[in-house]
Amino acid sequence: ASFLYISLGERGSGRYLDYAGGYGLLTRLMRDRGFGFYWLDRYSP
């Protein structure tokens, strides 16, 4: 969240992909913080 806000200037409108995202925990946490994260993983549900 700090990196995206400071380095990429993210203010809530961007789309992000968590590749190899496992069970989706990080995607869920980032969405709870207001970031547009999406999940993709070929091995994990």
All heavy atoms as atom14 arrays in JSON, in Angstrom:
{
  "sequence": "ASFLYISLGERGSGRYLDYAGGYGLLTRLMRDRGFGFYWLDRYSP",
  "atom14_mask": [
    [1, 1, 1, 1, 1, 0, 0, 0, 0, 0, 0, 0, 0, 0],
    [1, 1, 1, 1, 1, 1, 0, 0, 0, 0, 0, 0, 0, 0],
    [1, 1, 1, 1, 1, 1, 1, 1, 1, 1, 1, 0, 0, 0],
    [1, 1, 1, 1, 1, 1, 1, 1, 0, 0, 0, 0, 0, 0],
    [1, 1, 1, 1, 1, 1, 1, 1, 1, 1, 1, 1, 0, 0],
    [1, 1, 1, 1, 1, 1, 1, 1, 0, 0, 0, 0, 0, 0],
    [1, 1, 1, 1, 1, 1, 0, 0, 0, 0, 0, 0, 0, 0],
    [1, 1, 1, 1, 1, 1, 1, 1, 0, 0, 0, 0, 0, 0],
    [1, 1, 1, 1, 0, 0, 0, 0, 0, 0, 0, 0, 0, 0],
    [1, 1, 1, 1, 1, 1, 1, 1, 1, 0, 0, 0, 0, 0],
    [1, 1, 1, 1, 1, 1, 1, 1, 1, 1, 1, 0, 0, 0],
    [1, 1, 1, 1, 0, 0, 0, 0, 0, 0, 0, 0, 0, 0],
    [1, 1, 1, 1, 1, 1, 0, 0, 0, 0, 0, 0, 0, 0],
    [1, 1, 1, 1, 0, 0, 0, 0, 0, 0, 0, 0, 0, 0],
    [1, 1, 1, 1, 1, 1, 1, 1, 1, 1, 1, 0, 0, 0],
    [1, 1, 1, 1, 1, 1, 1, 1, 1, 1, 1, 1, 0, 0],
    [1, 1, 1, 1, 1, 1, 1, 1, 0, 0, 0, 0, 0, 0],
    [1, 1, 1, 1, 1, 1, 1, 1, 0, 0, 0, 0, 0, 0],
    [1, 1, 1, 1, 1, 1, 1, 1, 1, 1, 1, 1, 0, 0],
    [1, 1, 1, 1, 1, 0, 0, 0, 0, 0, 0, 0, 0, 0],
    [1, 1, 1, 1, 0, 0, 0, 0, 0, 0, 0, 0, 0, 0],
    [1, 1, 1, 1, 0, 0, 0, 0, 0, 0, 0, 0, 0, 0],
    [1, 1, 1, 1, 1, 1, 1, 1, 1, 1, 1, 1, 0, 0],
    [1, 1, 1, 1, 0, 0, 0, 0, 0, 0, 0, 0, 0, 0],
    [1, 1, 1, 1, 1, 1, 1, 1, 0, 0, 0, 0, 0, 0],
    [1, 1, 1, 1, 1, 1, 1, 1, 0, 0, 0, 0, 0, 0],
    [1, 1, 1, 1, 1, 1, 1, 0, 0, 0, 0, 0, 0, 0],
    [1, 1, 1, 1, 1, 1, 1, 1, 1, 1, 1, 0, 0, 0],
    [1, 1, 1, 1, 1, 1, 1, 1, 0, 0, 0, 0, 0, 0],
    [1, 1, 1, 1, 1, 1, 1, 1, 0, 0, 0, 0, 0, 0],
    [1, 1, 1, 1, 1, 1, 1, 1, 1, 1, 1, 0, 0, 0],
    [1, 1, 1, 1, 1, 1, 1, 1, 0, 0, 0, 0, 0, 0],
    [1, 1, 1, 1, 1, 1, 1, 1, 1, 1, 1, 0, 0, 0],
    [1, 1, 1, 1, 0, 0, 0, 0, 0, 0, 0, 0, 0, 0],
    [1, 1, 1, 1, 1, 1, 1, 1, 1, 1, 1, 0, 0, 0],
    [1, 1, 1, 1, 0, 0, 0, 0, 0, 0, 0, 0, 0, 0],
    [1, 1, 1, 1, 1, 1, 1, 1, 1, 1, 1, 0, 0, 0],
    [1, 1, 1, 1, 1, 1, 1, 1, 1, 1, 1, 1, 0, 0],
    [1, 1, 1, 1, 1, 1, 1, 1, 1, 1, 1, 1, 1, 1],
    [1, 1, 1, 1, 1, 1, 1, 1, 0, 0, 0, 0, 0, 0],
    [1, 1, 1, 1, 1, 1, 1, 1, 0, 0, 0, 0, 0, 0],
    [1, 1, 1, 1, 1, 1, 1, 1, 1, 1, 1, 0, 0, 0],
    [1, 1, 1, 1, 1, 1, 1, 1, 1, 1, 1, 1, 0, 0],
    [1, 1, 1, 1, 1, 1, 0, 0, 0, 0, 0, 0, 0, 0],
    [1, 1, 1, 1, 1, 1, 1, 0, 0, 0, 0, 0, 0, 0]
  ],
  "atom14_positions": [
    [[0.83, -1.2, 0.0], [0.0, 0.0, 0.0], [0.87, 1.25, 0.0], [0.61, 2.21, -0.75], [-0.93, -0.01, 1.21], [0.0, 0.0, 0.0], [0.0, 0.0, 0.0], [0.0, 0.0, 0.0], [0.0, 0.0, 0.0], [0.0, 0.0, 0.0], [0.0, 0.0, 0.0], [0.0, 0.0, 0.0], [0.0, 0.0, 0.0], [0.0, 0.0, 0.0]],
    [[1.92, 1.26, 0.81], [2.82, 2.41, 0.86], [3.55, 2.58, -0.47], [3.69, 3.71, -0.97], [3.83, 2.24, 1.99], [3.18, 2.2, 3.24], [0.0, 0.0, 0.0], [0.0, 0.0, 0.0], [0.0, 0.0, 0.0], [0.0, 0.0, 0.0], [0.0, 0.0, 0.0], [0.0, 0.0, 0.0], [0.0, 0.0, 0.0], [0.0, 0.0, 0.0]],
    [[4.03, 1.47, -1.03], [4.76, 1.53, -2.3], [3.88, 2.08, -3.42], [4.3, 2.96, -4.18], [5.27, 0.15, -2.67], [5.87, 0.08, -4.05], [7.17, 0.53, -4.28], [5.15, -0.43, -5.11], [7.72, 0.49, -5.55], [5.7, -0.48, -6.39], [6.98, -0.03, -6.61], [0.0, 0.0, 0.0], [0.0, 0.0, 0.0], [0.0, 0.0, 0.0]],
    [[2.66, 1.56, -3.53], [1.77, 2.0, -4.61], [1.39, 3.47, -4.44], [1.31, 4.22, -5.42], [0.52, 1.13, -4.65], [0.73, -0.35, -4.96], [-0.6, -1.08, -5.0], [1.49, -0.56, -6.26], [0.0, 0.0, 0.0], [0.0, 0.0, 0.0], [0.0, 0.0, 0.0], [0.0, 0.0, 0.0], [0.0, 0.0, 0.0], [0.0, 0.0, 0.0]],
    [[1.16, 3.88, -3.2], [0.76, 5.26, -2.94], [1.9, 6.24, -3.23], [1.71, 7.27, -3.88], [0.29, 5.4, -1.49], [-0.3, 6.75, -1.16], [-1.67, 6.99, -1.34], [0.49, 7.78, -0.66], [-2.22, 8.22, -1.04], [-0.06, 9.01, -0.35], [-1.41, 9.23, -0.54], [-1.95, 10.46, -0.25], [0.0, 0.0, 0.0], [0.0, 0.0, 0.0]],
    [[3.11, 5.89, -2.77], [4.24, 6.81, -2.88], [4.91, 6.72, -4.25], [5.17, 7.73, -4.9], [5.26, 6.54, -1.76], [4.63, 6.82, -0.4], [6.52, 7.38, -1.96], [5.48, 6.4, 0.78], [0.0, 0.0, 0.0], [0.0, 0.0, 0.0], [0.0, 0.0, 0.0], [0.0, 0.0, 0.0], [0.0, 0.0, 0.0], [0.0, 0.0, 0.0]],
    [[5.2, 5.48, -4.7], [5.99, 5.3, -5.92], [5.17, 5.41, -7.19], [5.64, 5.92, -8.2], [6.72, 3.95, -5.88], [7.62, 3.91, -4.79], [0.0, 0.0, 0.0], [0.0, 0.0, 0.0], [0.0, 0.0, 0.0], [0.0, 0.0, 0.0], [0.0, 0.0, 0.0], [0.0, 0.0, 0.0], [0.0, 0.0, 0.0], [0.0, 0.0, 0.0]],
    [[3.94, 4.9, -7.16], [3.11, 4.91, -8.37], [2.03, 5.99, -8.32], [1.28, 6.13, -9.28], [2.47, 3.54, -8.58], [3.42, 2.37, -8.83], [2.64, 1.11, -9.2], [4.43, 2.7, -9.93], [0.0, 0.0, 0.0], [0.0, 0.0, 0.0], [0.0, 0.0, 0.0], [0.0, 0.0, 0.0], [0.0, 0.0, 0.0], [0.0, 0.0, 0.0]],
    [[1.94, 6.69, -7.2], [0.93, 7.74, -7.1], [-0.48, 7.22, -7.12], [-1.41, 7.93, -7.56], [0.0, 0.0, 0.0], [0.0, 0.0, 0.0], [0.0, 0.0, 0.0], [0.0, 0.0, 0.0], [0.0, 0.0, 0.0], [0.0, 0.0, 0.0], [0.0, 0.0, 0.0], [0.0, 0.0, 0.0], [0.0, 0.0, 0.0], [0.0, 0.0, 0.0]],
    [[-0.68, 6.0, -6.64], [-2.01, 5.38, -6.67], [-2.95, 6.06, -5.68], [-2.6, 6.28, -4.53], [-1.91, 3.89, -6.33], [-3.25, 3.16, -6.3], [-3.98, 3.29, -7.63], [-3.38, 3.01, -8.68], [-5.16, 3.69, -7.6], [0.0, 0.0, 0.0], [0.0, 0.0, 0.0], [0.0, 0.0, 0.0], [0.0, 0.0, 0.0], [0.0, 0.0, 0.0]],
    [[-4.16, 6.38, -6.18], [-5.16, 7.02, -5.34], [-6.51, 6.3, -5.4], [-7.55, 6.88, -5.11], [-5.32, 8.49, -5.74], [-4.08, 9.34, -5.54], [-3.65, 9.4, -4.08], [-2.5, 10.27, -3.87], [-1.24, 9.85, -3.88], [-0.96, 8.56, -4.08], [-0.25, 10.7, -3.68], [0.0, 0.0, 0.0], [0.0, 0.0, 0.0], [0.0, 0.0, 0.0]],
    [[-6.48, 5.03, -5.8], [-7.7, 4.23, -5.74], [-8.34, 3.9, -7.05], [-9.33, 3.17, -7.09], [0.0, 0.0, 0.0], [0.0, 0.0, 0.0], [0.0, 0.0, 0.0], [0.0, 0.0, 0.0], [0.0, 0.0, 0.0], [0.0, 0.0, 0.0], [0.0, 0.0, 0.0], [0.0, 0.0, 0.0], [0.0, 0.0, 0.0], [0.0, 0.0, 0.0]],
    [[-7.79, 4.39, -8.17], [-8.43, 4.15, -9.47], [-7.74, 3.07, -10.29], [-8.26, 2.63, -11.31], [-8.47, 5.45, -10.28], [-7.15, 5.93, -10.51], [0.0, 0.0, 0.0], [0.0, 0.0, 0.0], [0.0, 0.0, 0.0], [0.0, 0.0, 0.0], [0.0, 0.0, 0.0], [0.0, 0.0, 0.0], [0.0, 0.0, 0.0], [0.0, 0.0, 0.0]],
    [[-6.54, 2.64, -9.89], [-5.76, 1.69, -10.67], [-6.21, 0.25, -10.48], [-6.85, -0.11, -9.49], [0.0, 0.0, 0.0], [0.0, 0.0, 0.0], [0.0, 0.0, 0.0], [0.0, 0.0, 0.0], [0.0, 0.0, 0.0], [0.0, 0.0, 0.0], [0.0, 0.0, 0.0], [0.0, 0.0, 0.0], [0.0, 0.0, 0.0], [0.0, 0.0, 0.0]],
    [[-5.86, -0.57, -11.48], [-6.15, -2.0, -11.43], [-4.84, -2.76, -11.27], [-3.85, -2.47, -11.94], [-6.86, -2.46, -12.72], [-7.25, -3.93, -12.74], [-7.8, -4.35, -14.09], [-8.97, -3.59, -14.47], [-9.01, -2.73, -15.49], [-7.93, -2.52, -16.24], [-10.11, -2.07, -15.77], [0.0, 0.0, 0.0], [0.0, 0.0, 0.0], [0.0, 0.0, 0.0]],
    [[-4.83, -3.79, -10.39], [-3.63, -4.56, -10.11], [-3.95, -6.05, -10.1], [-5.05, -6.46, -9.73], [-3.03, -4.16, -8.75], [-2.62, -2.7, -8.71], [-3.54, -1.72, -8.33], [-1.35, -2.31, -9.1], [-3.18, -0.39, -8.31], [-0.99, -0.97, -9.09], [-1.92, -0.01, -8.7], [-1.56, 1.3, -8.7], [0.0, 0.0, 0.0], [0.0, 0.0, 0.0]],
    [[-2.96, -6.83, -10.52], [-3.12, -8.28, -10.56], [-2.13, -8.92, -9.6], [-0.93, -8.68, -9.68], [-2.85, -8.8, -11.98], [-2.69, -10.32, -12.14], [-3.97, -11.05, -11.72], [-2.29, -10.67, -13.57], [0.0, 0.0, 0.0], [0.0, 0.0, 0.0], [0.0, 0.0, 0.0], [0.0, 0.0, 0.0], [0.0, 0.0, 0.0], [0.0, 0.0, 0.0]],
    [[-2.64, -9.73, -8.67], [-1.77, -10.54, -7.81], [-1.61, -11.9, -8.47], [-2.48, -12.75, -8.39], [-2.36, -10.67, -6.41], [-1.38, -11.33, -5.45], [-0.16, -11.17, -5.66], [-1.83, -11.99, -4.5], [0.0, 0.0, 0.0], [0.0, 0.0, 0.0], [0.0, 0.0, 0.0], [0.0, 0.0, 0.0], [0.0, 0.0, 0.0], [0.0, 0.0, 0.0]],
    [[-0.5, -12.07, -9.15], [-0.2, -13.29, -9.92], [0.36, -14.34, -8.98], [1.15, -14.04, -8.11], [0.8, -12.95, -11.02], [0.91, -13.97, -12.12], [-0.07, -14.08, -13.09], [2.01, -14.82, -12.2], [0.03, -15.0, -14.11], [2.14, -15.74, -13.22], [1.13, -15.83, -14.17], [1.24, -16.75, -15.2], [0.0, 0.0, 0.0], [0.0, 0.0, 0.0]],
    [[-0.06, -15.59, -9.17], [0.28, -16.66, -8.22], [-0.21, -16.26, -6.83], [0.52, -16.3, -5.84], [1.78, -16.95, -8.22], [0.0, 0.0, 0.0], [0.0, 0.0, 0.0], [0.0, 0.0, 0.0], [0.0, 0.0, 0.0], [0.0, 0.0, 0.0], [0.0, 0.0, 0.0], [0.0, 0.0, 0.0], [0.0, 0.0, 0.0], [0.0, 0.0, 0.0]],
    [[-1.47, -15.89, -6.78], [-2.05, -15.26, -5.59], [-2.5, -16.19, -4.49], [-3.12, -15.72, -3.53], [0.0, 0.0, 0.0], [0.0, 0.0, 0.0], [0.0, 0.0, 0.0], [0.0, 0.0, 0.0], [0.0, 0.0, 0.0], [0.0, 0.0, 0.0], [0.0, 0.0, 0.0], [0.0, 0.0, 0.0], [0.0, 0.0, 0.0], [0.0, 0.0, 0.0]],
    [[-2.2, -17.51, -4.6], [-2.55, -18.42, -3.52], [-4.03, -18.45, -3.24], [-4.86, -18.47, -4.16], [0.0, 0.0, 0.0], [0.0, 0.0, 0.0], [0.0, 0.0, 0.0], [0.0, 0.0, 0.0], [0.0, 0.0, 0.0], [0.0, 0.0, 0.0], [0.0, 0.0, 0.0], [0.0, 0.0, 0.0], [0.0, 0.0, 0.0], [0.0, 0.0, 0.0]],
    [[-4.39, -18.45, -1.97], [-5.8, -18.52, -1.57], [-6.53, -17.19, -1.72], [-7.71, -17.1, -1.43], [-5.92, -18.99, -0.13], [-5.59, -20.45, 0.07], [-5.19, -20.93, 1.31], [-5.68, -21.37, -0.98], [-4.88, -22.27, 1.5], [-5.38, -22.7, -0.8], [-4.98, -23.15, 0.44], [-4.68, -24.47, 0.63], [0.0, 0.0, 0.0], [0.0, 0.0, 0.0]],
    [[-5.83, -16.14, -2.13], [-6.47, -14.84, -2.33], [-6.37, -13.93, -1.12], [-7.03, -12.88, -1.1], [0.0, 0.0, 0.0], [0.0, 0.0, 0.0], [0.0, 0.0, 0.0], [0.0, 0.0, 0.0], [0.0, 0.0, 0.0], [0.0, 0.0, 0.0], [0.0, 0.0, 0.0], [0.0, 0.0, 0.0], [0.0, 0.0, 0.0], [0.0, 0.0, 0.0]],
    [[-5.54, -14.28, -0.15], [-5.46, -13.48, 1.07], [-4.93, -12.07, 0.79], [-5.51, -11.08, 1.25], [-4.57, -14.18, 2.1], [-4.32, -13.42, 3.4], [-5.62, -13.07, 4.09], [-3.42, -14.24, 4.33], [0.0, 0.0, 0.0], [0.0, 0.0, 0.0], [0.0, 0.0, 0.0], [0.0, 0.0, 0.0], [0.0, 0.0, 0.0], [0.0, 0.0, 0.0]],
    [[-3.85, -11.97, 0.02], [-3.28, -10.65, -0.26], [-4.24, -9.8, -1.1], [-4.4, -8.6, -0.85], [-1.94, -10.78, -0.97], [-1.21, -9.47, -1.23], [-0.89, -8.76, 0.08], [0.07, -9.71, -2.02], [0.0, 0.0, 0.0], [0.0, 0.0, 0.0], [0.0, 0.0, 0.0], [0.0, 0.0, 0.0], [0.0, 0.0, 0.0], [0.0, 0.0, 0.0]],
    [[-4.88, -10.42, -2.07], [-5.88, -9.7, -2.87], [-6.98, -9.13, -1.98], [-7.38, -7.97, -2.11], [-6.48, -10.62, -3.94], [-5.45, -11.06, -4.81], [-7.56, -9.9, -4.74], [0.0, 0.0, 0.0], [0.0, 0.0, 0.0], [0.0, 0.0, 0.0], [0.0, 0.0, 0.0], [0.0, 0.0, 0.0], [0.0, 0.0, 0.0], [0.0, 0.0, 0.0]],
    [[-7.45, -9.96, -1.05], [-8.5, -9.52, -0.13], [-8.03, -8.37, 0.75], [-8.74, -7.36, 0.96], [-8.91, -10.69, 0.74], [-9.99, -10.43, 1.75], [-11.37, -10.44, 1.14], [-11.77, -9.15, 0.61], [-12.81, -8.96, -0.18], [-13.53, -9.98, -0.58], [-13.13, -7.77, -0.6], [0.0, 0.0, 0.0], [0.0, 0.0, 0.0], [0.0, 0.0, 0.0]],
    [[-6.82, -8.49, 1.29], [-6.29, -7.44, 2.16], [-6.11, -6.12, 1.41], [-6.39, -5.04, 1.95], [-4.94, -7.88, 2.75], [-4.99, -8.99, 3.79], [-3.58, -9.48, 4.11], [-5.69, -8.52, 5.06], [0.0, 0.0, 0.0], [0.0, 0.0, 0.0], [0.0, 0.0, 0.0], [0.0, 0.0, 0.0], [0.0, 0.0, 0.0], [0.0, 0.0, 0.0]],
    [[-5.64, -6.21, 0.15], [-5.44, -4.99, -0.62], [-6.77, -4.35, -1.0], [-6.9, -3.11, -1.01], [-4.59, -5.27, -1.86], [-3.16, -5.7, -1.55], [-2.28, -4.54, -0.47], [-2.22, -3.08, -1.52], [0.0, 0.0, 0.0], [0.0, 0.0, 0.0], [0.0, 0.0, 0.0], [0.0, 0.0, 0.0], [0.0, 0.0, 0.0], [0.0, 0.0, 0.0]],
    [[-7.75, -5.16, -1.31], [-9.07, -4.61, -1.62], [-9.69, -3.98, -0.38], [-10.37, -2.95, -0.47], [-9.98, -5.7, -2.19], [-9.53, -6.23, -3.54], [-10.65, -6.99, -4.24], [-11.7, -6.08, -4.66], [-11.74, -5.43, -5.82], [-10.76, -5.61, -6.71], [-12.73, -4.64, -6.13], [0.0, 0.0, 0.0], [0.0, 0.0, 0.0], [0.0, 0.0, 0.0]],
    [[-9.46, -4.57, 0.78], [-9.96, -3.98, 2.01], [-9.34, -2.62, 2.28], [-9.91, -1.79, 3.0], [-9.68, -4.91, 3.2], [-10.55, -6.17, 3.16], [-11.49, -6.22, 2.35], [-10.26, -7.1, 3.94], [0.0, 0.0, 0.0], [0.0, 0.0, 0.0], [0.0, 0.0, 0.0], [0.0, 0.0, 0.0], [0.0, 0.0, 0.0], [0.0, 0.0, 0.0]],
    [[-8.16, -2.38, 1.71], [-7.49, -1.09, 1.85], [-7.86, -0.12, 0.73], [-7.31, 0.97, 0.65], [-5.97, -1.29, 1.87], [-5.45, -1.84, 3.19], [-4.01, -2.29, 3.08], [-3.41, -2.54, 4.38], [-3.63, -3.6, 5.11], [-4.46, -4.55, 4.68], [-3.05, -3.75, 6.3], [0.0, 0.0, 0.0], [0.0, 0.0, 0.0], [0.0, 0.0, 0.0]],
    [[-8.74, -0.55, -0.16], [-9.21, 0.35, -1.2], [-8.49, 0.26, -2.52], [-8.72, 1.09, -3.4], [0.0, 0.0, 0.0], [0.0, 0.0, 0.0], [0.0, 0.0, 0.0], [0.0, 0.0, 0.0], [0.0, 0.0, 0.0], [0.0, 0.0, 0.0], [0.0, 0.0, 0.0], [0.0, 0.0, 0.0], [0.0, 0.0, 0.0], [0.0, 0.0, 0.0]],
    [[-7.63, -0.75, -2.7], [-6.9, -0.92, -3.95], [-7.61, -1.94, -4.83], [-8.11, -2.96, -4.35], [-5.47, -1.37, -3.67], [-4.63, -0.36, -2.97], [-4.56, -0.34, -1.58], [-3.92, 0.61, -3.68], [-3.8, 0.6, -0.92], [-3.15, 1.55, -3.02], [-3.1, 1.56, -1.64], [0.0, 0.0, 0.0], [0.0, 0.0, 0.0], [0.0, 0.0, 0.0]],
    [[-7.61, -1.68, -6.14], [-8.32, -2.54, -7.1], [-7.51, -3.77, -7.47], [-7.05, -3.89, -8.62], [0.0, 0.0, 0.0], [0.0, 0.0, 0.0], [0.0, 0.0, 0.0], [0.0, 0.0, 0.0], [0.0, 0.0, 0.0], [0.0, 0.0, 0.0], [0.0, 0.0, 0.0], [0.0, 0.0, 0.0], [0.0, 0.0, 0.0], [0.0, 0.0, 0.0]],
    [[-7.36, -4.7, -6.55], [-6.57, -5.91, -6.78], [-7.46, -7.05, -7.27], [-8.61, -7.19, -6.85], [-5.86, -6.34, -5.49], [-4.44, -5.86, -5.41], [-4.16, -4.49, -5.32], [-3.38, -6.74, -5.44], [-2.87, -4.03, -5.26], [-2.08, -6.3, -5.37], [-1.81, -4.93, -5.28], [0.0, 0.0, 0.0], [0.0, 0.0, 0.0], [0.0, 0.0, 0.0]],
    [[-6.86, -7.86, -8.16], [-7.53, -9.06, -8.67], [-6.58, -10.25, -8.54], [-5.37, -10.09, -8.47], [-7.97, -8.85, -10.13], [-9.06, -7.83, -10.26], [-8.75, -6.47, -10.36], [-10.39, -8.21, -10.27], [-9.76, -5.52, -10.47], [-11.4, -7.27, -10.38], [-11.08, -5.93, -10.48], [-12.08, -5.0, -10.58], [0.0, 0.0, 0.0], [0.0, 0.0, 0.0]],
    [[-7.15, -11.42, -8.53], [-6.43, -12.66, -8.22], [-6.27, -13.54, -9.46], [-7.15, -13.62, -10.31], [-7.2, -13.43, -7.15], [-6.75, -14.83, -6.88], [-5.91, -15.25, -5.89], [-7.14, -16.02, -7.58], [-5.74, -16.62, -5.93], [-6.49, -17.11, -6.97], [-7.97, -16.26, -8.67], [-6.64, -18.42, -7.41], [-8.12, -17.56, -9.12], [-7.46, -18.62, -8.49]],
    [[-5.11, -14.23, -9.54], [-4.9, -15.24, -10.57], [-3.87, -16.24, -10.06], [-2.82, -15.85, -9.56], [-4.4, -14.61, -11.87], [-4.26, -15.54, -13.09], [-5.62, -16.1, -13.49], [-3.63, -14.78, -14.26], [0.0, 0.0, 0.0], [0.0, 0.0, 0.0], [0.0, 0.0, 0.0], [0.0, 0.0, 0.0], [0.0, 0.0, 0.0], [0.0, 0.0, 0.0]],
    [[-4.2, -17.53, -10.16], [-3.27, -18.58, -9.72], [-3.66, -19.88, -10.41], [-4.8, -20.31, -10.31], [-3.3, -18.76, -8.21], [-2.13, -19.56, -7.68], [-1.85, -20.65, -8.23], [-1.49, -19.11, -6.71], [0.0, 0.0, 0.0], [0.0, 0.0, 0.0], [0.0, 0.0, 0.0], [0.0, 0.0, 0.0], [0.0, 0.0, 0.0], [0.0, 0.0, 0.0]],
    [[-2.69, -20.51, -11.1], [-2.98, -21.74, -11.83], [-3.01, -22.97, -10.94], [-3.51, -24.02, -11.34], [-1.96, -21.94, -12.94], [-0.57, -22.32, -12.48], [0.38, -22.56, -13.62], [0.61, -21.35, -14.4], [1.42, -21.3, -15.45], [2.05, -22.39, -15.85], [1.59, -20.16, -16.09], [0.0, 0.0, 0.0], [0.0, 0.0, 0.0], [0.0, 0.0, 0.0]],
    [[-2.47, -22.86, -9.73], [-2.38, -24.03, -8.85], [-3.35, -23.99, -7.68], [-3.75, -25.04, -7.18], [-0.95, -24.15, -8.27], [0.1, -24.48, -9.3], [1.0, -23.5, -9.72], [0.2, -25.75, -9.85], [1.97, -23.79, -10.66], [1.17, -26.04, -10.78], [2.06, -25.07, -11.18], [3.02, -25.35, -12.12], [0.0, 0.0, 0.0], [0.0, 0.0, 0.0]],
    [[-3.72, -22.81, -7.23], [-4.46, -22.69, -5.98], [-5.91, -22.27, -6.21], [-6.2, -21.48, -7.1], [-3.78, -21.66, -5.08], [-4.52, -21.47, -3.88], [0.0, 0.0, 0.0], [0.0, 0.0, 0.0], [0.0, 0.0, 0.0], [0.0, 0.0, 0.0], [0.0, 0.0, 0.0], [0.0, 0.0, 0.0], [0.0, 0.0, 0.0], [0.0, 0.0, 0.0]],
    [[-6.83, -22.77, -5.37], [-8.21, -22.27, -5.43], [-8.29, -20.89, -4.8], [-7.52, -20.54, -3.9], [-8.99, -23.3, -4.6], [-7.98, -23.82, -3.62], [-6.67, -23.84, -4.36], [0.0, 0.0, 0.0], [0.0, 0.0, 0.0], [0.0, 0.0, 0.0], [0.0, 0.0, 0.0], [0.0, 0.0, 0.0], [0.0, 0.0, 0.0], [0.0, 0.0, 0.0]]
  ]
}
